[in-house]
Protein backbone atom coordinates (compact mmCIF):
# COMPACT_ATOMS: atom_id res chain seq x y z
CA UNK A 1 0.00 0.00 0.00
CA UNK A 2 1.15 3.50 -0.70
CA UNK A 3 2.32 5.37 2.37
CA UNK A 4 0.57 8.50 1.03
CA UNK A 5 -2.70 6.94 2.07
CA UNK A 6 -2.07 7.31 5.78
CA UNK A 7 0.37 10.19 6.19
CA UNK A 8 0.26 10.16 10.00
CA UNK A 9 1.48 6.59 10.09
CA UNK A 10 4.30 7.41 7.70
CA UNK A 11 5.40 10.40 9.76
CA UNK A 12 5.55 8.54 13.06
CA UNK A 13 7.06 5.43 11.52
CA UNK A 14 9.90 7.54 10.10
CA UNK A 15 10.48 9.17 13.49
CA UNK A 16 10.71 5.82 15.27
CA UNK A 17 12.99 4.35 12.60
CA UNK A 18 15.23 7.42 12.82
CA UNK A 19 15.40 7.14 16.62
CA UNK A 20 16.31 3.44 16.50
CA UNK A 21 18.91 4.08 13.79
CA UNK A 22 20.56 6.80 15.90
CA UNK A 23 20.71 4.53 18.97
CA UNK A 24 22.24 1.67 16.97
CA UNK A 25 24.71 4.09 15.38
CA UNK A 26 25.93 5.54 18.69
CA UNK A 27 26.28 2.03 20.15
CA UNK A 28 28.32 0.98 17.13
CA UNK A 29 30.56 4.04 17.41
CA UNK A 30 31.07 3.40 21.12
CA UNK A 31 31.96 -0.27 20.66
CA UNK A 32 34.33 0.46 17.78
CA UNK A 33 35.89 3.37 19.62
CA UNK A 34 36.78 1.36 22.77
CA UNK A 35 37.94 -1.54 20.65
CA UNK A 36 40.27 0.58 18.52
CA UNK A 37 41.49 2.94 21.26
CA UNK A 38 41.75 0.54 24.22
CA UNK A 39 41.96 -2.79 22.40
CA UNK A 40 39.05 -4.26 24.39
CA UNK A 41 36.97 -7.20 23.17
CA UNK A 42 33.40 -6.78 21.89
CA UNK A 43 31.60 -7.55 25.15
CA UNK A 44 33.76 -5.20 27.26
CA UNK A 45 33.40 -2.45 24.67
CA UNK A 46 29.62 -2.89 24.48
CA UNK A 47 29.28 -2.98 28.28
CA UNK A 48 31.31 0.21 28.69
CA UNK A 49 29.29 1.94 25.96
CA UNK A 50 25.94 0.99 27.54
CA UNK A 51 26.82 2.06 31.09
CA UNK A 52 28.31 5.30 29.75
CA UNK A 53 25.19 6.19 27.76
CA UNK A 54 22.89 5.08 30.56
CA UNK A 55 24.86 7.21 33.07
CA UNK A 56 24.69 4.34 35.58
CA UNK A 57 28.15 5.07 37.00
CA UNK A 58 29.35 1.54 37.72
CA UNK A 59 32.90 2.59 36.96
CA UNK A 60 35.31 1.78 34.18
CA UNK A 61 35.45 -1.77 32.82
CA UNK A 62 39.22 -1.44 32.57
CA UNK A 63 41.46 1.55 33.34
CA UNK A 64 41.12 4.10 30.53
CA UNK A 65 43.97 5.77 28.72
CA UNK A 66 43.95 9.50 28.11
CA UNK A 67 42.56 9.01 24.61
CA UNK A 68 39.98 6.64 26.04
CA UNK A 69 38.80 9.23 28.56
CA UNK A 70 38.53 11.93 25.88
CA UNK A 71 36.51 9.52 23.72
CA UNK A 72 34.25 8.74 26.71
CA UNK A 73 33.59 12.44 27.30
CA UNK A 74 32.62 12.92 23.64
CA UNK A 75 30.48 9.79 23.76
CA UNK A 76 28.62 11.08 26.83
CA UNK A 77 27.85 14.50 25.34
CA UNK A 78 26.71 13.15 21.98
CA UNK A 79 25.18 9.88 23.12
CA UNK A 80 23.02 11.11 25.98
CA UNK A 81 21.32 13.63 23.70
CA UNK A 82 20.60 10.93 21.14
CA UNK A 83 19.29 8.50 23.76
CA UNK A 84 17.09 11.22 25.27
CA UNK A 85 15.62 12.11 21.90
CA UNK A 86 15.00 8.48 21.02
CA UNK A 87 13.23 7.74 24.30
CA UNK A 88 11.02 10.82 23.90
CA UNK A 89 10.03 9.77 20.37
CA UNK A 90 9.13 6.25 21.47
CA UNK A 91 7.25 7.53 24.53
CA UNK A 92 5.33 9.99 22.35
CA UNK A 93 4.56 7.23 19.89
CA UNK A 94 2.97 5.10 22.62
CA UNK A 95 1.61 7.56 25.19
CA UNK A 96 0.09 10.20 22.90
CA UNK A 97 -1.92 7.61 20.99
CA UNK A 98 -0.12 7.40 17.67
CA UNK A 99 0.34 3.67 18.14
CA UNK A 100 -3.37 3.22 18.83
CA UNK A 101 -4.17 5.36 15.81
CA UNK A 102 -1.97 3.28 13.54
CA UNK A 103 -3.50 0.06 14.85
CA UNK A 104 -6.96 1.51 14.22
CA UNK A 105 -6.07 2.54 10.68
CA UNK A 106 -4.63 -0.90 9.95
CA UNK A 107 -7.82 -2.50 11.25
CA UNK A 108 -9.83 -0.15 9.05
CA UNK A 109 -7.70 -1.06 6.04
CA UNK A 110 -8.46 -4.74 6.64
CA UNK A 111 -12.17 -3.92 6.79
CA UNK A 112 -11.92 -2.15 3.43
CA UNK A 113 -10.15 -5.15 1.92
CA UNK A 114 -13.20 -7.26 2.78
CA UNK A 115 -15.69 -4.90 1.10
CA UNK A 116 -17.21 -5.79 -2.25
CA UNK A 117 -19.93 -4.12 -4.35
CA UNK A 118 -19.53 -1.05 -2.19
CA UNK A 119 -19.37 2.67 -3.04
CA UNK A 120 -16.47 5.10 -2.82
CA UNK A 121 -17.10 8.69 -1.79
CA UNK A 122 -14.36 11.14 -2.77
CA UNK A 123 -14.60 14.35 -0.78
CA UNK A 124 -16.07 14.92 2.68
CA UNK A 125 -17.03 18.59 2.39
CA UNK A 126 -20.58 19.86 2.86
CA UNK A 127 -21.92 17.98 -0.16
CA UNK A 128 -19.88 14.89 0.62
CA UNK A 129 -21.08 14.88 4.22
CA UNK A 130 -24.72 14.86 3.11
CA UNK A 131 -23.98 11.96 0.76
CA UNK A 132 -22.22 10.06 3.54
CA UNK A 133 -25.14 10.57 5.93
CA UNK A 134 -27.60 9.20 3.36
CA UNK A 135 -25.35 6.21 2.67
CA UNK A 136 -25.16 5.50 6.39
CA UNK A 137 -28.92 5.87 6.91
CA UNK A 138 -29.70 3.46 4.09
CA UNK A 139 -27.07 0.97 5.31
CA UNK A 140 -25.15 1.32 2.07
CA UNK A 141 -21.54 0.05 2.35
CA UNK A 142 -19.10 2.79 1.42
CA UNK A 143 -15.57 4.12 1.88
CA UNK A 144 -14.66 7.80 2.28
CA UNK A 145 -11.56 9.37 0.74
CA UNK A 146 -10.65 12.85 1.98
CA UNK A 147 -7.34 14.71 1.93
CA UNK A 148 -8.19 17.03 4.85
CA UNK A 149 -8.15 15.14 8.21
CA UNK A 150 -10.35 17.82 9.83
CA UNK A 151 -13.18 17.08 7.40
CA UNK A 152 -12.89 13.38 8.14
CA UNK A 153 -13.37 14.12 11.85
CA UNK A 154 -16.74 15.71 11.06
CA UNK A 155 -18.13 12.42 9.73
CA UNK A 156 -16.16 9.95 11.84
CA UNK A 157 -19.29 9.29 13.93
CA UNK A 158 -20.93 7.59 10.92
CA UNK A 159 -18.61 4.65 11.48
CA UNK A 160 -17.65 4.31 7.81
CA UNK A 161 -14.08 3.32 6.91
CA UNK A 162 -12.06 6.22 5.54
CA UNK A 163 -8.74 7.00 3.90
CA UNK A 164 -6.91 10.27 4.48
CA UNK A 165 -5.37 10.69 1.06
CA UNK A 166 -5.56 12.14 -2.45
CA UNK A 167 -8.43 10.60 -4.42
CA UNK A 168 -6.69 11.40 -7.72
CA UNK A 169 -3.96 8.87 -6.96
CA UNK A 170 -4.24 5.30 -8.26
CA UNK A 171 -2.87 3.80 -5.03
CA UNK A 172 -5.49 5.54 -2.90
CA UNK A 173 -8.39 4.38 -5.08
CA UNK A 174 -6.99 0.86 -5.17
CA UNK A 175 -6.77 0.83 -1.38
CA UNK A 176 -10.44 1.85 -1.25
CA UNK A 177 -11.23 -1.30 -3.25
CA UNK A 178 -12.12 0.34 -6.55
CA UNK A 179 -11.63 -2.94 -8.40
CA UNK A 180 -14.41 -4.48 -6.27
CA UNK A 181 -16.63 -1.39 -5.99
CA UNK A 182 -19.85 -0.88 -7.93
CA UNK A 183 -19.92 2.90 -7.76
CA UNK A 184 -17.95 6.07 -7.08
CA UNK A 185 -19.10 9.58 -6.20
CA UNK A 186 -16.66 12.42 -6.81
CA UNK A 187 -17.62 15.43 -4.69
CA UNK A 188 -14.41 17.47 -4.58
CA UNK A 189 -14.44 21.25 -4.37
CA UNK A 190 -13.33 22.01 -7.92
CA UNK A 191 -14.07 20.61 -11.36
CA UNK A 192 -10.45 20.01 -12.27
CA UNK A 193 -9.98 17.55 -9.41
CA UNK A 194 -13.32 15.89 -10.14
CA UNK A 195 -12.33 15.37 -13.79
CA UNK A 196 -9.03 13.81 -12.69
CA UNK A 197 -10.76 11.50 -10.19
CA UNK A 198 -13.30 10.38 -12.78
CA UNK A 199 -10.59 9.77 -15.38
CA UNK A 200 -8.46 7.79 -12.93
CA UNK A 201 -11.39 5.77 -11.61
CA UNK A 202 -12.65 4.89 -15.07
CA UNK A 203 -9.20 3.68 -16.04
CA UNK A 204 -9.08 1.37 -12.99
CA UNK A 205 -12.59 -0.05 -13.33
CA UNK A 206 -14.41 0.04 -16.68
CA UNK A 207 -17.68 -1.24 -15.17
CA UNK A 208 -17.82 1.29 -12.34
CA UNK A 209 -20.83 3.59 -12.09
CA UNK A 210 -19.49 7.11 -11.59
CA UNK A 211 -21.43 10.14 -10.40
CA UNK A 212 -19.62 13.47 -10.24
CA UNK A 213 -20.34 16.89 -8.87
CA UNK A 214 -19.90 19.83 -11.25
CA UNK A 215 -19.43 23.46 -10.26
CA UNK A 216 -19.28 25.21 -13.64
CA UNK A 217 -21.77 24.05 -16.26
CA UNK A 218 -19.14 24.15 -19.02
CA UNK A 219 -17.23 21.41 -17.17
CA UNK A 220 -20.08 18.91 -17.52
CA UNK A 221 -18.98 17.88 -21.01
CA UNK A 222 -15.41 17.26 -19.82
CA UNK A 223 -16.62 15.10 -16.94
CA UNK A 224 -18.71 12.97 -19.28
CA UNK A 225 -15.77 12.56 -21.67
CA UNK A 226 -13.60 11.56 -18.70
CA UNK A 227 -16.06 8.76 -17.91
CA UNK A 228 -18.77 10.06 -15.58
CA UNK A 229 -22.13 8.31 -16.03
CA UNK A 230 -24.04 11.09 -14.30
CA UNK A 231 -23.07 14.70 -13.59
CA UNK A 232 -24.91 16.63 -10.89
CA UNK A 233 -24.88 20.39 -10.41
CA UNK A 234 -25.69 21.38 -6.81
CA UNK A 235 -26.50 24.91 -8.03
CA UNK A 236 -29.03 23.65 -10.58
CA UNK A 237 -30.55 21.23 -8.09
CA UNK A 238 -30.76 24.00 -5.49
CA UNK A 239 -32.53 26.32 -7.92
CA UNK A 240 -35.00 23.63 -8.93
CA UNK A 241 -35.73 22.85 -5.30
CA UNK A 242 -36.39 26.50 -4.43
CA UNK A 243 -38.84 26.75 -7.32
CA UNK A 244 -40.51 23.50 -6.24
CA UNK A 245 -40.90 24.69 -2.65
CA UNK A 246 -42.71 27.74 -3.94
CA UNK A 247 -44.98 25.90 -6.40
CA UNK A 248 -45.64 22.57 -4.61
CA UNK A 249 -44.73 22.92 -0.91
CA UNK A 250 -46.67 19.84 0.27
CA UNK A 251 -44.91 17.51 -2.18
CA UNK A 252 -41.49 18.93 -1.31
CA UNK A 253 -42.30 18.67 2.38
CA UNK A 254 -43.16 15.00 1.94
CA UNK A 255 -39.94 14.34 0.02
CA UNK A 256 -37.94 16.23 2.65
CA UNK A 257 -39.39 14.09 5.41
CA UNK A 258 -38.69 10.97 3.41
CA UNK A 259 -35.04 11.89 2.87
CA UNK A 260 -34.20 13.42 6.25
CA UNK A 261 -35.93 11.14 8.73
CA UNK A 262 -33.82 8.08 9.39
CA UNK A 263 -36.84 5.95 10.30
CA UNK A 264 -39.23 7.02 7.55
CA UNK A 265 -39.69 5.77 4.00
CA UNK A 266 -37.27 5.77 1.12
CA UNK A 267 -37.48 5.24 -2.62
CA UNK A 268 -35.00 2.59 -3.73
CA UNK A 269 -34.16 0.59 -6.83
CA UNK A 270 -33.63 -3.16 -6.97
CA UNK A 271 -32.27 -4.85 -10.09
CA UNK A 272 -33.42 -8.40 -10.86
CA UNK A 273 -30.85 -10.85 -12.20
CA UNK A 274 -31.59 -14.03 -14.13
CA UNK A 275 -31.28 -16.06 -10.92
CA UNK A 276 -33.86 -14.01 -9.03
CA UNK A 277 -36.68 -16.31 -7.82
CA UNK A 278 -39.47 -13.95 -8.91
CA UNK A 279 -38.45 -13.83 -12.59
CA UNK A 280 -41.43 -14.94 -14.69
CA UNK A 281 -43.87 -14.34 -11.87
CA UNK A 282 -46.44 -11.57 -11.82
CA UNK A 283 -46.42 -8.75 -9.32
CA UNK A 284 -49.46 -10.31 -7.68
CA UNK A 285 -48.04 -13.82 -7.27
CA UNK A 286 -44.57 -12.64 -6.28
CA UNK A 287 -46.28 -11.38 -3.11
CA UNK A 288 -43.71 -8.60 -2.66
CA UNK A 289 -46.16 -6.37 -0.84
CA UNK A 290 -47.12 -9.05 1.69
CA UNK A 291 -43.59 -10.34 2.27
CA UNK A 292 -41.84 -6.97 2.52
CA UNK A 293 -44.47 -4.26 2.94
CA UNK A 294 -42.98 -2.32 0.03
CA UNK A 295 -44.92 -0.53 -2.70
CA UNK A 296 -43.70 -1.17 -6.27
CA UNK A 297 -43.97 2.26 -7.90
CA UNK A 298 -42.45 1.50 -11.29
CA UNK A 299 -40.54 -1.05 -13.35
CA UNK A 300 -37.70 -0.13 -15.73
CA UNK A 301 -37.10 -2.66 -18.49
CA UNK A 302 -33.52 -3.33 -19.58
CA UNK A 303 -33.63 -1.85 -23.08
CA UNK A 304 -36.63 0.44 -22.68
CA UNK A 305 -36.45 4.20 -22.24
CA UNK A 306 -39.83 4.34 -20.53
CA UNK A 307 -40.96 3.15 -17.12
CA UNK A 308 -43.98 1.04 -16.32
CA UNK A 309 -45.59 3.26 -13.69
CA UNK A 310 -47.91 1.80 -11.08
CA UNK A 311 -47.60 -1.71 -12.61
CA UNK A 312 -50.71 -3.86 -12.70
CA UNK A 313 -50.93 -7.04 -10.57
CA UNK A 314 -50.60 -9.24 -13.68
CA UNK A 315 -47.35 -7.53 -14.84
CA UNK A 316 -44.63 -10.18 -15.21
CA UNK A 317 -41.10 -9.62 -13.99
CA UNK A 318 -38.34 -10.06 -16.59
CA UNK A 319 -34.59 -10.58 -16.32
CA UNK A 320 -32.68 -7.34 -15.73
CA UNK A 321 -35.81 -5.45 -14.67
CA UNK A 322 -35.17 -2.67 -12.18
CA UNK A 323 -37.87 -2.19 -9.58
CA UNK A 324 -38.51 1.26 -8.12
CA UNK A 325 -39.97 0.65 -4.68
CA UNK A 326 -41.00 2.73 -1.68
CA UNK A 327 -40.72 1.70 1.97
CA UNK A 328 -38.47 1.93 5.00
CA UNK A 329 -34.85 0.80 5.12
CA UNK A 330 -35.59 -2.56 6.77
CA UNK A 331 -38.25 -3.38 4.17
CA UNK A 332 -35.79 -2.63 1.38
CA UNK A 333 -33.22 -4.91 3.01
CA UNK A 334 -35.84 -7.67 3.19
CA UNK A 335 -36.53 -7.35 -0.55
CA UNK A 336 -32.81 -7.43 -1.33
CA UNK A 337 -32.52 -10.72 0.52
CA UNK A 338 -35.63 -12.03 -1.21
CA UNK A 339 -34.19 -11.38 -4.68
CA UNK A 340 -30.70 -12.48 -3.71
CA UNK A 341 -29.11 -9.01 -3.46
CA UNK A 342 -26.93 -7.89 -0.55
């Protein structure tokens, strides 16, 4: 894995390695110095070096020559500083929680390696946070990628695995399991970065569904060329919503309640594969309403541009149909299990 993914771990790992290297170096210099100056064997030289650096004061292993005493003085002044620095680094690594943080990040990385058919959210700003909350409410498996650690802290309570790193980098996307993912949302703060994320993601997974945020309308074409399946403009959506609130406040109020309340209803889509048990059955005999409590609002055929709205009880389900249903999160999960989707 690329060390850019978890910069904190890299920083502290380098500090600890540096501290250990310095300790080993000063021990080596001490042993070699006593061996060359005094002619002592390895064990005597090592013992003298250790008690000198530890300032224990047991006394000299053998009587020192003048050159040996000068070397010992230099070893004390240089070595004690190095030992003190090394101990402080190791103590900081353990006491201040960096070790616990690294262990937690490694555990999170293992969790991400187990994910499959999940979604990747790039960017944890205001828009990204709203996306993450909806993913969490609907029990959708996802991974967050955000370069700014402070923004990650704002959504840590959602319990989703995250990577502090640059979403435009191949190694970061690979660590988020892009090869196994079914979708990616790019919600970075500028179009240039979103284009780069989309381009990189599409190159790593040709079958990935990609949704990207767009700030400037003229960038929409570039995002689609880069490989985005859907491009969403928060400004356009915001304007449409404001108009809708003015014209049809009751409808918008209902939709708001549906989207904001964690325990209320949702509109979801379920795709039927050829192995789905209800293929060939009618809506009536599939008994979806009785078994799950869901309402089937529409059916989207595989190669049809139109939807079958409010399907009749005798409507037969076909392979690759996509059902648009309405119900609460638990009911949707029940239907997913019924049709063999996780």
